[in-house]
Every structure is written in structure tokens, then in C-alpha cells.
Protein backbone atom coordinates (compact mmCIF):
# COMPACT_ATOMS: atom_id res chain seq x y z
CA MET A 1 0.00 0.00 0.00
CA LYS A 2 2.82 2.44 0.81
CA LYS A 3 4.29 2.04 -2.68
CA ILE A 4 0.96 2.89 -4.30
CA LEU A 5 0.56 5.89 -1.99
CA VAL A 6 4.05 7.14 -2.86
CA LEU A 7 3.34 6.70 -6.58
CA ALA A 8 0.08 8.63 -6.29
CA ALA A 9 1.81 11.35 -4.25
CA LEU A 10 4.57 11.71 -6.84
CA ALA A 11 2.01 12.01 -9.64
CA GLU A 12 0.16 14.80 -7.80
CA ILE A 13 3.41 16.61 -6.97
CA ALA A 14 4.53 16.44 -10.61
CA THR A 15 1.18 17.77 -11.83
CA GLY A 16 1.28 20.52 -9.20
CA VAL A 17 4.77 21.61 -10.26
CA ALA A 18 3.68 21.64 -13.90
CA LEU A 19 0.64 23.79 -13.09
CA LEU A 20 2.85 26.23 -11.19
CA MET A 21 5.51 26.50 -13.88
CA VAL A 22 3.63 26.12 -17.19
CA PRO A 23 -0.13 26.30 -16.54
CA SER A 24 -1.00 27.05 -20.18
CA LEU A 25 0.84 23.96 -21.40
CA VAL A 26 -0.99 21.80 -18.85
CA GLY A 27 -4.30 23.29 -20.00
CA ARG A 28 -3.47 22.58 -23.63
CA LEU A 29 -2.36 19.01 -22.91
CA LEU A 30 -5.26 18.13 -20.59
CA LEU A 31 -8.14 20.14 -22.01
CA GLY A 32 -7.03 21.09 -25.50
CA GLU A 33 -7.05 24.83 -24.68
CA GLU A 34 -4.40 27.08 -23.17
CA PHE A 35 -5.24 28.82 -19.92
CA THR A 36 -5.42 32.62 -20.25
CA GLY A 37 -6.35 35.57 -18.10
CA VAL A 38 -7.74 34.76 -14.68
CA THR A 39 -7.38 31.01 -15.26
CA ILE A 40 -3.59 31.32 -14.86
CA PRO A 41 -3.63 32.25 -11.14
CA VAL A 42 -6.47 29.80 -10.52
CA ALA A 43 -4.42 27.04 -12.17
CA ARG A 44 -1.41 27.98 -10.03
CA VAL A 45 -3.47 27.80 -6.82
CA LEU A 46 -4.62 24.38 -8.02
CA GLY A 47 -0.97 23.47 -8.54
CA ILE A 48 -0.21 24.51 -4.97
CA ALA A 49 -3.13 22.39 -3.75
CA LEU A 50 -1.88 19.37 -5.70
CA LEU A 51 1.59 19.82 -4.23
CA ALA A 52 0.09 19.87 -0.76
CA LEU A 53 -2.05 16.83 -1.55
CA GLY A 54 1.05 15.00 -2.70
CA PHE A 55 2.89 15.88 0.51
CA ALA A 56 -0.13 14.93 2.62
CA CYS A 57 -0.36 11.55 0.88
CA TRP A 58 3.34 10.91 1.32
CA PRO A 59 3.82 8.49 4.19
CA GLY A 60 3.80 10.74 7.24
CA THR A 61 1.60 13.36 8.78
CA PRO A 62 -1.14 15.22 6.87
CA ARG A 63 -0.08 18.37 8.78
CA VAL A 64 2.87 18.72 6.40
CA GLY A 65 0.54 18.82 3.40
CA MET A 66 -1.77 21.39 4.97
CA LEU A 67 1.19 23.50 6.09
CA THR A 68 2.66 23.33 2.58
CA TYR A 69 -0.63 24.44 1.04
CA SER A 70 -1.33 27.21 3.49
CA ALA A 71 2.16 28.73 3.44
CA THR A 72 2.54 28.54 -0.32
CA VAL A 73 -0.92 29.88 -1.14
CA THR A 74 -0.32 32.75 1.33
CA LEU A 75 2.83 33.74 -0.54
CA TYR A 76 1.30 33.30 -3.99
CA LEU A 77 -1.90 35.22 -3.25
CA ALA A 78 0.13 38.03 -1.67
CA TYR A 79 2.29 38.10 -4.79
CA VAL A 80 -0.82 38.29 -6.99
CA GLY A 81 -2.13 41.15 -4.84
CA PHE A 82 1.11 43.14 -4.92
CA ALA A 83 1.73 42.53 -8.63
CA GLY A 84 -1.70 43.95 -9.40
CA GLY A 85 -3.77 42.43 -12.13
CA PHE A 86 -6.22 40.29 -10.19
CA THR A 87 -7.50 41.63 -6.87
CA GLY A 88 -10.96 40.86 -5.57
CA ILE A 89 -12.58 41.96 -2.33
CA LEU A 90 -11.63 38.71 -0.56
CA LEU A 91 -8.00 38.52 -1.73
CA TRP A 92 -6.38 40.21 1.27
CA PRO A 93 -8.67 38.58 3.86
CA ALA A 94 -7.71 35.24 2.27
CA VAL A 95 -4.01 36.12 2.54
CA VAL A 96 -4.44 37.03 6.22
CA ALA A 97 -6.49 33.91 6.97
CA HIS A 98 -3.90 31.65 5.34
CA ALA A 99 -1.06 33.45 7.13
CA ILE A 100 -2.79 32.85 10.48
CA LEU A 101 -3.44 29.21 9.59
CA THR A 102 0.21 28.82 8.56
CA ALA A 103 1.34 30.21 11.91
CA LEU A 104 -1.00 27.90 13.80
CA LEU A 105 0.12 24.85 11.81
CA THR A 106 3.77 25.79 12.32
CA ARG A 107 3.27 26.00 16.08
CA ALA A 108 1.36 22.71 16.25
CA THR A 109 3.59 19.86 17.30
CA PRO A 110 2.77 16.29 16.38
CA ASN A 111 1.46 14.24 19.28
CA ALA A 112 2.64 10.73 20.15
CA LYS A 113 -0.03 9.08 17.96
CA GLU A 114 1.05 11.12 14.91
CA MET A 115 4.69 10.30 15.57
CA GLN A 116 3.86 6.59 15.70
CA MET A 117 1.93 6.87 12.40
CA GLN A 118 5.03 8.44 10.81
CA ASN A 119 7.15 5.49 11.88
CA ASN A 120 4.76 2.87 10.44
């Protein structure tokens, strides 16, 4: 089972990296159309989510996946906000909410049960 989980995690991580780096190419290859306009940042957030899913599915604690997602999406959404282009009314509240969640997840320490799950 662990080998299948690792394979699935690697596939999600690879897809996430591709969506972050070349979202239009992924759109063309998967859907037959390149992503343009607002679909680019949405595709990149999806890429971040797939990276986090891959890390969460990697043998270990799901906290790592959630921390990866929250920290990375905080940085990316802040970048989108500062770079201009796409800014909606909920952009900055979302950045703040993810920053708080990132801080809380960073402070959370795995308990004994989580540590034992990591070792199995």
C-alpha cells in the first residue's frame, strides 16, 4: 500500500509543479485549450493544492501537506495582490487567513499518535 501511496503522491506533486511552472501547457495538454487571463492564477493555486495533496499523501503526517498548502498559497496570493492584475474583495482577507493558519500549523507539534503513524 505504501508504494501505491508514494506513486500517487509523486504524480500529484509532478502535476502541481507543472501547473505552477507552465499552466497554459498543462491546459493545452489536458483540455485542448491554453489557460489565459484569470485562469492562470487559478491554475497555479490548483498546482499549490496538488503539491500539498502529494505531501499529505506521502507516508507521514497530513499536517505537512496542509502547512505546505497554506504557506505557499499565502505567498502566492500576496504576490498576486502586490503585482496587481487580479484583486478581488476577498483577496487580502484570504491572505491574512492563510497566514494565520500557517502560523498555527507551524506551532502545532505532532502528538505521540502522529509520531507513531510516521514510523509505520
